[in-house]
Amino acid sequence: MGCVTCSCDDSSNIVEEIPISKADLKPVPALSVFKKSPSNVEYEEFELHVHKNEPSELLGLQLMQLGELPELQIIQIMPEGAALRCGRAAALKDVIIQVNGLSTCAAEMAAEIGRSRDVILLMKRNV
């Protein structure tokens, strides 16, 4: 029941809440790497492995596309959702830079989240 409202050519940068929830996820060790972004801001890169009970289950994250970039930033964390069952928590302002290997278009990443039961999110967080 989550829906994707943004597309690569759409002027709207908000992606509505996308499927994810909290019962069956097993904690998965997060992969962490410290890197420097082009603006010389250090960030940590890590994977978040999410298992949804069904593809339509909500992540529990409200996401917004970052300008023209193929990135989705977490702007709100809902009280329930599959992402909340992960061993490592997503945080406000974390940025999704890849979903199941897709990283060229924010709308494609959001659609992949909506249609997949198992989702691997490559995230970055400023440190």
Protein backbone atom coordinates (compact mmCIF):
# COMPACT_ATOMS: atom_id res chain seq x y z
CA MET A 1 0.00 0.00 0.00
CA GLY A 2 2.95 2.30 -0.25
CA CYS A 3 3.12 4.13 -3.50
CA VAL A 4 5.83 5.89 -5.38
CA THR A 5 4.98 9.39 -6.55
CA CYS A 6 8.27 10.62 -7.96
CA SER A 7 9.86 9.90 -11.29
CA CYS A 8 13.13 11.04 -12.79
CA ASP A 9 11.37 13.74 -14.84
CA ASP A 10 8.79 14.70 -12.22
CA SER A 11 9.07 18.07 -10.50
CA SER A 12 7.90 16.54 -7.21
CA ASN A 13 10.82 15.31 -5.11
CA ILE A 14 8.80 13.60 -2.39
CA VAL A 15 8.53 9.84 -2.46
CA GLU A 16 5.58 8.70 -0.40
CA GLU A 17 6.11 6.13 2.31
CA ILE A 18 7.28 2.93 0.73
CA PRO A 19 6.65 -0.64 1.90
CA ILE A 20 8.75 -1.99 4.93
CA SER A 21 7.74 -3.46 8.82
CA LYS A 22 9.01 -5.23 12.23
CA ALA A 23 8.58 -9.03 12.96
CA ASP A 24 10.68 -11.40 10.84
CA LEU A 25 13.88 -9.46 10.25
CA LYS A 26 17.00 -11.07 11.54
CA PRO A 27 19.80 -8.72 12.52
CA VAL A 28 22.46 -8.65 9.84
CA PRO A 29 25.88 -7.17 10.55
CA ALA A 30 26.15 -3.85 8.76
CA LEU A 31 29.02 -3.22 6.40
CA SER A 32 30.67 0.07 7.36
CA VAL A 33 33.25 2.05 5.47
CA PHE A 34 34.35 5.64 6.16
CA LYS A 35 34.71 7.76 3.04
CA LYS A 36 34.99 11.41 2.11
CA SER A 37 32.35 12.93 -0.11
CA PRO A 38 33.32 15.37 -2.87
CA SER A 39 32.51 18.27 -0.53
CA ASN A 40 35.11 16.91 1.95
CA VAL A 41 32.41 15.83 4.38
CA GLU A 42 33.16 12.48 5.95
CA TYR A 43 30.45 9.89 5.84
CA GLU A 44 29.99 6.27 6.77
CA GLU A 45 28.66 3.89 4.15
CA PHE A 46 26.75 0.79 5.28
CA GLU A 47 24.22 -1.78 4.12
CA LEU A 48 20.81 -2.23 5.66
CA HIS A 49 19.28 -5.65 4.93
CA VAL A 50 15.49 -5.53 5.15
CA HIS A 51 13.07 -8.43 4.85
CA LYS A 52 9.43 -7.54 4.31
CA ASN A 53 6.76 -10.09 5.15
CA GLU A 54 5.22 -9.30 1.75
CA PRO A 55 6.24 -6.89 -1.01
CA SER A 56 3.48 -4.43 -0.08
CA GLU A 57 4.65 -4.14 3.54
CA LEU A 58 5.82 -0.62 4.41
CA LEU A 59 9.45 0.22 5.20
CA GLY A 60 8.34 2.68 7.83
CA LEU A 61 10.48 5.42 6.27
CA GLN A 62 9.35 8.56 4.50
CA LEU A 63 11.85 9.41 1.79
CA MET A 64 12.63 12.49 -0.27
CA GLN A 65 14.70 12.69 -3.44
CA LEU A 66 17.74 14.94 -3.04
CA GLY A 67 17.45 17.46 -5.86
CA GLU A 68 18.48 15.90 -9.17
CA LEU A 69 20.65 13.27 -7.46
CA PRO A 70 19.68 9.58 -7.60
CA GLU A 71 19.52 9.50 -3.80
CA LEU A 72 16.70 9.19 -1.28
CA GLN A 73 17.00 10.88 2.11
CA ILE A 74 15.08 9.70 5.17
CA ILE A 75 12.93 12.62 6.32
CA GLN A 76 10.68 10.78 8.77
CA ILE A 77 10.72 7.44 10.59
CA MET A 78 7.29 5.96 11.14
CA PRO A 79 6.36 4.06 14.34
CA GLU A 80 6.06 0.77 12.44
CA GLY A 81 7.71 -0.74 9.39
CA ALA A 82 10.08 -3.46 8.20
CA ALA A 83 13.17 -1.21 8.44
CA LEU A 84 12.61 -0.97 12.19
CA ARG A 85 13.29 -4.72 12.55
CA CYS A 86 16.85 -4.41 11.28
CA GLY A 87 19.82 -4.93 13.55
CA ARG A 88 21.12 -1.47 12.65
CA ALA A 89 18.70 1.42 12.73
CA ALA A 90 18.19 3.90 9.95
CA ALA A 91 18.29 7.50 11.16
CA LEU A 92 16.87 10.81 10.01
CA LYS A 93 18.98 12.35 7.25
CA ASP A 94 20.54 8.99 6.30
CA VAL A 95 20.71 8.76 2.52
CA ILE A 96 19.91 5.69 0.41
CA ILE A 97 22.35 5.58 -2.50
CA GLN A 98 21.53 2.11 -3.85
CA VAL A 99 18.65 -0.38 -3.64
CA ASN A 100 19.30 -4.01 -4.63
CA GLY A 101 22.11 -2.86 -6.92
CA LEU A 102 20.08 -0.05 -8.56
CA SER A 103 21.53 3.44 -8.23
CA THR A 104 20.84 5.45 -11.39
CA CYS A 105 17.38 6.91 -10.67
CA ALA A 106 15.62 7.70 -7.38
CA ALA A 107 12.25 6.64 -8.82
CA GLU A 108 13.66 3.26 -9.90
CA MET A 109 15.13 2.75 -6.42
CA ALA A 110 11.79 3.62 -4.80
CA ALA A 111 9.94 1.25 -7.16
CA GLU A 112 12.42 -1.54 -6.33
CA ILE A 113 11.70 -1.04 -2.63
CA GLY A 114 7.96 -1.23 -3.34
CA ARG A 115 8.10 -4.44 -5.35
CA SER A 116 10.75 -6.41 -3.45
CA ARG A 117 10.41 -8.61 -0.41
CA ASP A 118 14.13 -8.64 0.37
CA VAL A 119 15.77 -5.25 0.09
CA ILE A 120 19.44 -4.35 0.47
CA LEU A 121 19.84 -0.61 0.99
CA LEU A 122 23.29 0.92 0.57
CA MET A 123 23.20 3.92 2.87
CA LYS A 124 25.46 6.79 3.79
CA ARG A 125 25.48 8.80 7.01
CA ASN A 126 27.50 11.92 7.77
CA VAL A 127 29.89 11.43 10.67
